[in-house]
PDB file of all heavy atoms in Angstrom:
ATOM      1  N   THR A   1      -6.937 -10.962 -13.216  1.00  0.00           N
ATOM      2  CA  THR A   1      -6.258 -10.462 -14.275  1.00  0.00           C
ATOM      3  C   THR A   1      -6.234  -8.895 -14.320  1.00  0.00           C
ATOM      4  O   THR A   1      -5.754  -8.196 -15.338  1.00  0.00           O
ATOM      5  CB  THR A   1      -6.985 -10.823 -15.619  1.00  0.00           C
ATOM      6  OG1 THR A   1      -8.377 -10.404 -15.605  1.00  0.00           O
ATOM      7  CG2 THR A   1      -6.881 -12.368 -15.837  1.00  0.00           C
ATOM      8  N   ALA A   2      -6.611  -8.322 -13.256  1.00  0.00           N
ATOM      9  CA  ALA A   2      -6.481  -6.800 -13.118  1.00  0.00           C
ATOM     10  C   ALA A   2      -5.098  -6.344 -13.022  1.00  0.00           C
ATOM     11  O   ALA A   2      -4.282  -7.106 -12.427  1.00  0.00           O
ATOM     12  CB  ALA A   2      -7.355  -6.379 -11.874  1.00  0.00           C
ATOM     13  N   PRO A   3      -4.743  -5.178 -13.541  1.00  0.00           N
ATOM     14  CA  PRO A   3      -3.311  -4.631 -13.305  1.00  0.00           C
ATOM     15  C   PRO A   3      -3.116  -4.452 -11.896  1.00  0.00           C
ATOM     16  O   PRO A   3      -3.982  -4.125 -11.092  1.00  0.00           O
ATOM     17  CB  PRO A   3      -3.400  -3.304 -14.126  1.00  0.00           C
ATOM     18  CG  PRO A   3      -4.797  -2.968 -14.248  1.00  0.00           C
ATOM     19  CD  PRO A   3      -5.557  -4.266 -14.264  1.00  0.00           C
ATOM     20  N   GLU A   4      -1.745  -4.481 -11.548  1.00  0.00           N
ATOM     21  CA  GLU A   4      -1.392  -4.214 -10.131  1.00  0.00           C
ATOM     22  C   GLU A   4      -1.744  -3.007  -9.562  1.00  0.00           C
ATOM     23  O   GLU A   4      -2.068  -2.762  -8.380  1.00  0.00           O
ATOM     24  CB  GLU A   4       0.081  -4.478 -10.053  1.00  0.00           C
ATOM     25  CG  GLU A   4       0.637  -5.872 -10.272  1.00  0.00           C
ATOM     26  CD  GLU A   4       0.035  -6.936  -9.257  1.00  0.00           C
ATOM     27  OE1 GLU A   4      -0.040  -6.579  -8.057  1.00  0.00           O
ATOM     28  OE2 GLU A   4      -0.426  -8.002  -9.655  1.00  0.00           O
ATOM     29  N   SER A   5      -1.802  -1.871 -10.470  1.00  0.00           N
ATOM     30  CA  SER A   5      -2.244  -0.566 -10.094  1.00  0.00           C
ATOM     31  C   SER A   5      -3.633  -0.512  -9.520  1.00  0.00           C
ATOM     32  O   SER A   5      -3.935   0.253  -8.601  1.00  0.00           O
ATOM     33  CB  SER A   5      -2.037   0.413 -11.192  1.00  0.00           C
ATOM     34  OG  SER A   5      -2.884   0.084 -12.313  1.00  0.00           O
ATOM     35  N   GLU A   6      -4.504  -1.417  -9.994  1.00  0.00           N
ATOM     36  CA  GLU A   6      -5.932  -1.436  -9.551  1.00  0.00           C
ATOM     37  C   GLU A   6      -6.055  -2.211  -8.215  1.00  0.00           C
ATOM     38  O   GLU A   6      -7.019  -2.177  -7.609  1.00  0.00           O
ATOM     39  CB  GLU A   6      -6.799  -2.081 -10.685  1.00  0.00           C
ATOM     40  CG  GLU A   6      -6.882  -1.085 -11.928  1.00  0.00           C
ATOM     41  CD  GLU A   6      -8.003  -1.592 -12.736  1.00  0.00           C
ATOM     42  OE1 GLU A   6      -8.824  -2.327 -12.422  1.00  0.00           O
ATOM     43  OE2 GLU A   6      -7.858  -1.242 -14.046  1.00  0.00           O
ATOM     44  N   LYS A   7      -5.095  -3.128  -8.023  1.00  0.00           N
ATOM     45  CA  LYS A   7      -5.151  -3.925  -6.792  1.00  0.00           C
ATOM     46  C   LYS A   7      -4.476  -3.108  -5.559  1.00  0.00           C
ATOM     47  O   LYS A   7      -4.816  -3.420  -4.488  1.00  0.00           O
ATOM     48  CB  LYS A   7      -4.415  -5.270  -7.040  1.00  0.00           C
ATOM     49  CG  LYS A   7      -4.974  -6.231  -8.086  1.00  0.00           C
ATOM     50  CD  LYS A   7      -4.179  -7.433  -8.208  1.00  0.00           C
ATOM     51  CE  LYS A   7      -4.651  -8.349  -9.271  1.00  0.00           C
ATOM     52  NZ  LYS A   7      -3.782  -9.598  -9.439  1.00  0.00           N
ATOM     53  N   ASP A   8      -3.628  -2.261  -5.951  1.00  0.00           N
ATOM     54  CA  ASP A   8      -2.812  -1.599  -4.865  1.00  0.00           C
ATOM     55  C   ASP A   8      -3.671  -0.826  -3.954  1.00  0.00           C
ATOM     56  O   ASP A   8      -4.544  -0.085  -4.256  1.00  0.00           O
ATOM     57  CB  ASP A   8      -1.844  -0.664  -5.542  1.00  0.00           C
ATOM     58  CG  ASP A   8      -0.950   0.070  -4.625  1.00  0.00           C
ATOM     59  OD1 ASP A   8      -0.771  -0.446  -3.515  1.00  0.00           O
ATOM     60  OD2 ASP A   8      -0.426   1.066  -4.982  1.00  0.00           O
ATOM     61  N   TYR A   9      -3.476  -1.244  -2.649  1.00  0.00           N
ATOM     62  CA  TYR A   9      -4.301  -0.651  -1.555  1.00  0.00           C
ATOM     63  C   TYR A   9      -3.477   0.399  -0.748  1.00  0.00           C
ATOM     64  O   TYR A   9      -3.923   1.073   0.042  1.00  0.00           O
ATOM     65  CB  TYR A   9      -4.935  -1.625  -0.632  1.00  0.00           C
ATOM     66  CG  TYR A   9      -3.942  -2.595  -0.126  1.00  0.00           C
ATOM     67  CD1 TYR A   9      -3.094  -2.259   0.975  1.00  0.00           C
ATOM     68  CD2 TYR A   9      -3.885  -3.930  -0.547  1.00  0.00           C
ATOM     69  CE1 TYR A   9      -2.103  -3.218   1.501  1.00  0.00           C
ATOM     70  CE2 TYR A   9      -2.934  -4.958   0.000  1.00  0.00           C
ATOM     71  CZ  TYR A   9      -2.102  -4.470   0.980  1.00  0.00           C
ATOM     72  OH  TYR A   9      -1.111  -5.337   1.421  1.00  0.00           O
ATOM     73  N   ALA A  10      -2.124   0.408  -0.922  1.00  0.00           N
ATOM     74  CA  ALA A  10      -1.305   1.143   0.000  1.00  0.00           C
ATOM     75  C   ALA A  10      -1.634   2.509   0.127  1.00  0.00           C
ATOM     76  O   ALA A  10      -1.894   3.172   1.211  1.00  0.00           O
ATOM     77  CB  ALA A  10       0.181   0.923  -0.367  1.00  0.00           C
ATOM     78  N   GLU A  11      -1.679   3.278  -1.031  1.00  0.00           N
ATOM     79  CA  GLU A  11      -1.850   4.684  -0.996  1.00  0.00           C
ATOM     80  C   GLU A  11      -3.226   5.002  -0.475  1.00  0.00           C
ATOM     81  O   GLU A  11      -3.470   6.035   0.265  1.00  0.00           O
ATOM     82  CB  GLU A  11      -1.603   5.354  -2.311  1.00  0.00           C
ATOM     83  CG  GLU A  11      -0.196   5.267  -2.757  1.00  0.00           C
ATOM     84  CD  GLU A  11       0.160   6.010  -4.132  1.00  0.00           C
ATOM     85  OE1 GLU A  11      -0.801   6.600  -4.580  1.00  0.00           O
ATOM     86  OE2 GLU A  11       1.198   5.846  -4.574  1.00  0.00           O
ATOM     87  N   ALA A  12      -4.291   4.203  -0.852  1.00  0.00           N
ATOM     88  CA  ALA A  12      -5.651   4.510  -0.365  1.00  0.00           C
ATOM     89  C   ALA A  12      -5.701   4.282   1.078  1.00  0.00           C
ATOM     90  O   ALA A  12      -6.314   5.166   1.795  1.00  0.00           O
ATOM     91  CB  ALA A  12      -6.575   3.445  -1.116  1.00  0.00           C
ATOM     92  N   PHE A  13      -5.046   3.244   1.639  1.00  0.00           N
ATOM     93  CA  PHE A  13      -5.165   3.038   3.065  1.00  0.00           C
ATOM     94  C   PHE A  13      -4.299   4.104   3.772  1.00  0.00           C
ATOM     95  O   PHE A  13      -4.692   4.482   4.889  1.00  0.00           O
ATOM     96  CB  PHE A  13      -4.425   1.652   3.392  1.00  0.00           C
ATOM     97  CG  PHE A  13      -5.435   0.396   2.974  1.00  0.00           C
ATOM     98  CD1 PHE A  13      -6.487   0.647   2.210  1.00  0.00           C
ATOM     99  CD2 PHE A  13      -5.082  -0.769   3.484  1.00  0.00           C
ATOM    100  CE1 PHE A  13      -7.229  -0.407   1.898  1.00  0.00           C
ATOM    101  CE2 PHE A  13      -5.864  -1.872   3.164  1.00  0.00           C
ATOM    102  CZ  PHE A  13      -6.938  -1.665   2.376  1.00  0.00           C
ATOM    103  N   ALA A  14      -3.240   4.562   3.202  1.00  0.00           N
ATOM    104  CA  ALA A  14      -2.493   5.480   3.903  1.00  0.00           C
ATOM    105  C   ALA A  14      -3.239   6.890   4.050  1.00  0.00           C
ATOM    106  O   ALA A  14      -2.892   7.798   4.872  1.00  0.00           O
ATOM    107  CB  ALA A  14      -1.104   5.798   3.179  1.00  0.00           C
ATOM    108  N   SER A  15      -4.325   7.079   3.301  1.00  0.00           N
ATOM    109  CA  SER A  15      -4.985   8.370   3.211  1.00  0.00           C
ATOM    110  C   SER A  15      -6.266   8.281   3.889  1.00  0.00           C
ATOM    111  O   SER A  15      -7.132   9.166   3.817  1.00  0.00           O
ATOM    112  CB  SER A  15      -5.066   8.843   1.815  1.00  0.00           C
ATOM    113  OG  SER A  15      -5.907   8.012   0.985  1.00  0.00           O
ATOM    114  N   LEU A  16      -6.718   7.054   4.380  1.00  0.00           N
ATOM    115  CA  LEU A  16      -7.974   6.941   5.074  1.00  0.00           C
ATOM    116  C   LEU A  16      -8.164   7.940   6.285  1.00  0.00           C
ATOM    117  O   LEU A  16      -7.260   7.890   7.112  1.00  0.00           O
ATOM    118  CB  LEU A  16      -8.222   5.533   5.541  1.00  0.00           C
ATOM    119  CG  LEU A  16      -8.383   4.495   4.331  1.00  0.00           C
ATOM    120  CD1 LEU A  16      -8.568   3.134   4.881  1.00  0.00           C
ATOM    121  CD2 LEU A  16      -9.595   4.770   3.446  1.00  0.00           C
ATOM    122  N   PRO A  17      -9.306   8.555   6.336  1.00  0.00           N
ATOM    123  CA  PRO A  17      -9.403   9.609   7.441  1.00  0.00           C
ATOM    124  C   PRO A  17      -9.539   8.966   8.820  1.00  0.00           C
ATOM    125  O   PRO A  17      -9.313   9.764   9.869  1.00  0.00           O
ATOM    126  CB  PRO A  17     -10.621  10.314   7.087  1.00  0.00           C
ATOM    127  CG  PRO A  17     -11.440   9.423   6.125  1.00  0.00           C
ATOM    128  CD  PRO A  17     -10.406   8.624   5.436  1.00  0.00           C
ATOM    129  N   LYS A  18      -9.943   7.827   8.973  1.00  0.00           N
ATOM    130  CA  LYS A  18     -10.315   7.166  10.247  1.00  0.00           C
ATOM    131  C   LYS A  18      -9.404   6.124  10.664  1.00  0.00           C
ATOM    132  O   LYS A  18      -9.548   5.582  11.832  1.00  0.00           O
ATOM    133  CB  LYS A  18     -11.703   6.710  10.351  1.00  0.00           C
ATOM    134  CG  LYS A  18     -12.873   7.795  10.327  1.00  0.00           C
ATOM    135  CD  LYS A  18     -14.197   7.098  10.427  1.00  0.00           C
ATOM    136  CE  LYS A  18     -15.271   8.175  10.408  1.00  0.00           C
ATOM    137  NZ  LYS A  18     -16.693   7.599  10.641  1.00  0.00           N
ATOM    138  N   ILE A  19      -8.379   5.678   9.900  1.00  0.00           N
ATOM    139  CA  ILE A  19      -7.697   4.537  10.172  1.00  0.00           C
ATOM    140  C   ILE A  19      -6.160   4.876   9.741  1.00  0.00           C
ATOM    141  O   ILE A  19      -5.829   5.561   8.869  1.00  0.00           O
ATOM    142  CB  ILE A  19      -8.065   3.267   9.303  1.00  0.00           C
ATOM    143  CG1 ILE A  19      -9.540   2.849   9.821  1.00  0.00           C
ATOM    144  CG2 ILE A  19      -7.133   2.174   9.309  1.00  0.00           C
ATOM    145  CD1 ILE A  19     -10.065   1.789   9.077  1.00  0.00           C
ATOM    146  N   SER A  20      -5.291   4.353  10.594  1.00  0.00           N
ATOM    147  CA  SER A  20      -3.759   4.600  10.248  1.00  0.00           C
ATOM    148  C   SER A  20      -3.004   3.261  10.512  1.00  0.00           C
ATOM    149  O   SER A  20      -3.216   2.635  11.575  1.00  0.00           O
ATOM    150  CB  SER A  20      -3.274   5.684  11.213  1.00  0.00           C
ATOM    151  OG  SER A  20      -1.808   5.667  11.093  1.00  0.00           O
ATOM    152  N   TRP A  21      -2.138   3.016   9.698  1.00  0.00           N
ATOM    153  CA  TRP A  21      -1.186   1.906   9.825  1.00  0.00           C
ATOM    154  C   TRP A  21       0.293   2.340   9.971  1.00  0.00           C
ATOM    155  O   TRP A  21       1.221   1.600   9.533  1.00  0.00           O
ATOM    156  CB  TRP A  21      -1.366   0.877   8.634  1.00  0.00           C
ATOM    157  CG  TRP A  21      -2.578  -0.055   8.711  1.00  0.00           C
ATOM    158  CD1 TRP A  21      -2.524  -1.291   9.279  1.00  0.00           C
ATOM    159  CD2 TRP A  21      -3.750   0.162   8.113  1.00  0.00           C
ATOM    160  NE1 TRP A  21      -3.804  -1.851   9.174  1.00  0.00           N
ATOM    161  CE2 TRP A  21      -4.565  -1.030   8.411  1.00  0.00           C
ATOM    162  CE3 TRP A  21      -4.321   1.140   7.391  1.00  0.00           C
ATOM    163  CZ2 TRP A  21      -5.865  -1.057   7.969  1.00  0.00           C
ATOM    164  CZ3 TRP A  21      -5.638   1.003   6.960  1.00  0.00           C
ATOM    165  CH2 TRP A  21      -6.414  -0.162   7.227  1.00  0.00           C
ATOM    166  N   GLN A  22       0.493   3.573  10.441  1.00  0.00           N
ATOM    167  CA  GLN A  22       1.795   4.179  10.393  1.00  0.00           C
ATOM    168  C   GLN A  22       2.719   3.209  11.231  1.00  0.00           C
ATOM    169  O   GLN A  22       2.503   2.806  12.315  1.00  0.00           O
ATOM    170  CB  GLN A  22       1.777   5.488  10.921  1.00  0.00           C
ATOM    171  CG  GLN A  22       1.137   6.568  10.081  1.00  0.00           C
ATOM    172  CD  GLN A  22       1.842   6.636   8.749  1.00  0.00           C
ATOM    173  OE1 GLN A  22       3.070   6.962   8.767  1.00  0.00           O
ATOM    174  NE2 GLN A  22       1.180   6.431   7.636  1.00  0.00           N
ATOM    175  N   GLY A  23       3.932   2.861  10.595  1.00  0.00           N
ATOM    176  CA  GLY A  23       4.887   2.022  11.245  1.00  0.00           C
ATOM    177  C   GLY A  23       4.665   0.619  11.078  1.00  0.00           C
ATOM    178  O   GLY A  23       5.469  -0.219  11.505  1.00  0.00           O
ATOM    179  N   HIS A  24       3.578   0.162  10.380  1.00  0.00           N
ATOM    180  CA  HIS A  24       3.215  -1.239  10.300  1.00  0.00           C
ATOM    181  C   HIS A  24       3.347  -1.756   8.860  1.00  0.00           C
ATOM    182  O   HIS A  24       2.695  -1.117   8.032  1.00  0.00           O
ATOM    183  CB  HIS A  24       1.788  -1.514  10.781  1.00  0.00           C
ATOM    184  CG  HIS A  24       1.449  -2.921  10.846  1.00  0.00           C
ATOM    185  ND1 HIS A  24       1.538  -3.721  11.955  1.00  0.00           N
ATOM    186  CD2 HIS A  24       0.812  -3.696   9.960  1.00  0.00           C
ATOM    187  CE1 HIS A  24       1.070  -4.889  11.804  1.00  0.00           C
ATOM    188  NE2 HIS A  24       0.672  -5.033  10.582  1.00  0.00           N
ATOM    189  N   CYS A  25       4.181  -2.780   8.702  1.00  0.00           N
ATOM    190  CA  CYS A  25       4.385  -3.272   7.325  1.00  0.00           C
ATOM    191  C   CYS A  25       3.090  -3.915   6.872  1.00  0.00           C
ATOM    192  O   CYS A  25       2.638  -4.880   7.501  1.00  0.00           O
ATOM    193  CB  CYS A  25       5.519  -4.265   7.298  1.00  0.00           C
ATOM    194  SG  CYS A  25       5.798  -4.876   5.641  1.00  0.00           S
ATOM    195  N   MET A  26       2.635  -3.613   5.680  1.00  0.00           N
ATOM    196  CA  MET A  26       1.407  -4.152   5.076  1.00  0.00           C
ATOM    197  C   MET A  26       1.686  -5.203   3.986  1.00  0.00           C
ATOM    198  O   MET A  26       0.845  -5.579   3.394  1.00  0.00           O
ATOM    199  CB  MET A  26       0.518  -3.037   4.519  1.00  0.00           C
ATOM    200  CG  MET A  26       0.082  -1.992   5.623  1.00  0.00           C
ATOM    201  SD  MET A  26      -1.002  -2.665   6.807  1.00  0.00           S
ATOM    202  CE  MET A  26      -2.576  -2.676   5.688  1.00  0.00           C
ATOM    203  N   TYR A  27       2.944  -5.446   3.820  1.00  0.00           N
ATOM    204  CA  TYR A  27       3.459  -6.387   2.807  1.00  0.00           C
ATOM    205  C   TYR A  27       2.877  -5.897   1.374  1.00  0.00           C
ATOM    206  O   TYR A  27       2.647  -6.718   0.523  1.00  0.00           O
ATOM    207  CB  TYR A  27       2.929  -7.767   3.006  1.00  0.00           C
ATOM    208  CG  TYR A  27       3.189  -8.228   4.516  1.00  0.00           C
ATOM    209  CD1 TYR A  27       2.171  -8.756   5.235  1.00  0.00           C
ATOM    210  CD2 TYR A  27       4.425  -8.101   5.025  1.00  0.00           C
ATOM    211  CE1 TYR A  27       2.380  -9.171   6.532  1.00  0.00           C
ATOM    212  CE2 TYR A  27       4.731  -8.550   6.375  1.00  0.00           C
ATOM    213  CZ  TYR A  27       3.666  -9.101   7.114  1.00  0.00           C
ATOM    214  OH  TYR A  27       3.865  -9.409   8.503  1.00  0.00           O
ATOM    215  N   CYS A  28       2.751  -4.627   1.143  1.00  0.00           N
ATOM    216  CA  CYS A  28       2.175  -4.124  -0.001  1.00  0.00           C
ATOM    217  C   CYS A  28       3.082  -4.086  -1.266  1.00  0.00           C
ATOM    218  O   CYS A  28       2.794  -3.955  -2.363  1.00  0.00           O
ATOM    219  CB  CYS A  28       1.642  -2.698   0.236  1.00  0.00           C
ATOM    220  SG  CYS A  28       2.819  -1.437   0.526  1.00  0.00           S
ATOM    221  N   GLY A  29       4.440  -4.128  -0.899  1.00  0.00           N
ATOM    222  CA  GLY A  29       5.483  -4.177  -1.984  1.00  0.00           C
ATOM    223  C   GLY A  29       5.929  -2.739  -2.513  1.00  0.00           C
ATOM    224  O   GLY A  29       6.714  -2.697  -3.418  1.00  0.00           O
ATOM    225  N   HIS A  30       5.505  -1.673  -1.931  1.00  0.00           N
ATOM    226  CA  HIS A  30       5.816  -0.355  -2.389  1.00  0.00           C
ATOM    227  C   HIS A  30       7.377  -0.065  -2.075  1.00  0.00           C
ATOM    228  O   HIS A  30       7.878   0.848  -2.698  1.00  0.00           O
ATOM    229  CB  HIS A  30       4.957   0.716  -1.742  1.00  0.00           C
ATOM    230  CG  HIS A  30       3.658   1.004  -2.421  1.00  0.00           C
ATOM    231  ND1 HIS A  30       3.491   2.162  -3.139  1.00  0.00           N
ATOM    232  CD2 HIS A  30       2.622   0.224  -2.662  1.00  0.00           C
ATOM    233  CE1 HIS A  30       2.259   2.155  -3.771  1.00  0.00           C
ATOM    234  NE2 HIS A  30       1.797   0.986  -3.515  1.00  0.00           N
ATOM    235  N   CYS A  31       7.930  -0.833  -1.180  1.00  0.00           N
ATOM    236  CA  CYS A  31       9.328  -0.664  -0.887  1.00  0.00           C
ATOM    237  C   CYS A  31      10.249  -1.004  -2.041  1.00  0.00           C
ATOM    238  O   CYS A  31      11.363  -0.593  -2.162  1.00  0.00           O
ATOM    239  CB  CYS A  31       9.729  -1.417   0.357  1.00  0.00           C
ATOM    240  SG  CYS A  31       9.168  -3.202   0.294  1.00  0.00           S
ATOM    241  N   ALA A  32       9.755  -1.947  -2.977  1.00  0.00           N
ATOM    242  CA  ALA A  32      10.486  -2.364  -4.217  1.00  0.00           C
ATOM    243  C   ALA A  32      10.586  -1.174  -5.180  1.00  0.00           C
ATOM    244  O   ALA A  32       9.747  -0.272  -5.249  1.00  0.00           O
ATOM    245  CB  ALA A  32       9.823  -3.501  -4.692  1.00  0.00           C
ATOM    246  N   PRO A  33      11.604  -1.243  -5.985  1.00  0.00           N
ATOM    247  CA  PRO A  33      12.601  -2.268  -6.137  1.00  0.00           C
ATOM    248  C   PRO A  33      13.802  -1.977  -5.240  1.00  0.00           C
ATOM    249  O   PRO A  33      14.284  -0.806  -5.108  1.00  0.00           O
ATOM    250  CB  PRO A  33      13.045  -2.249  -7.698  1.00  0.00           C
ATOM    251  CG  PRO A  33      12.893  -0.900  -8.005  1.00  0.00           C
ATOM    252  CD  PRO A  33      11.638  -0.336  -7.234  1.00  0.00           C
ATOM    253  N   CYS A  34      14.401  -3.059  -4.615  1.00  0.00           N
ATOM    254  CA  CYS A  34      15.597  -2.825  -3.929  1.00  0.00           C
ATOM    255  C   CYS A  34      16.875  -2.968  -4.896  1.00  0.00           C
ATOM    256  O   CYS A  34      16.945  -3.842  -5.768  1.00  0.00           O
ATOM    257  CB  CYS A  34      15.757  -3.933  -2.856  1.00  0.00           C
ATOM    258  SG  CYS A  34      17.405  -4.100  -2.063  1.00  0.00           S
ATOM    259  N   PRO A  35      17.889  -2.080  -4.788  1.00  0.00           N
ATOM    260  CA  PRO A  35      19.031  -2.074  -5.742  1.00  0.00           C
ATOM    261  C   PRO A  35      19.796  -3.433  -5.531  1.00  0.00           C
ATOM    262  O   PRO A  35      20.468  -3.828  -6.545  1.00  0.00           O
ATOM    263  CB  PRO A  35      19.884  -0.943  -5.246  1.00  0.00           C
ATOM    264  CG  PRO A  35      19.350  -0.704  -3.852  1.00  0.00           C
ATOM    265  CD  PRO A  35      17.948  -0.969  -3.794  1.00  0.00           C
TER     266      PRO A  35
END
């Protein structure tokens, strides 16, 4: 029942100092909304 903002991992993962997922789709949904 947590808000989506608390579940969202995308920005946290993108800023991790030892790990990078650049270029890899994480299915996080940040690309939405599509027109």
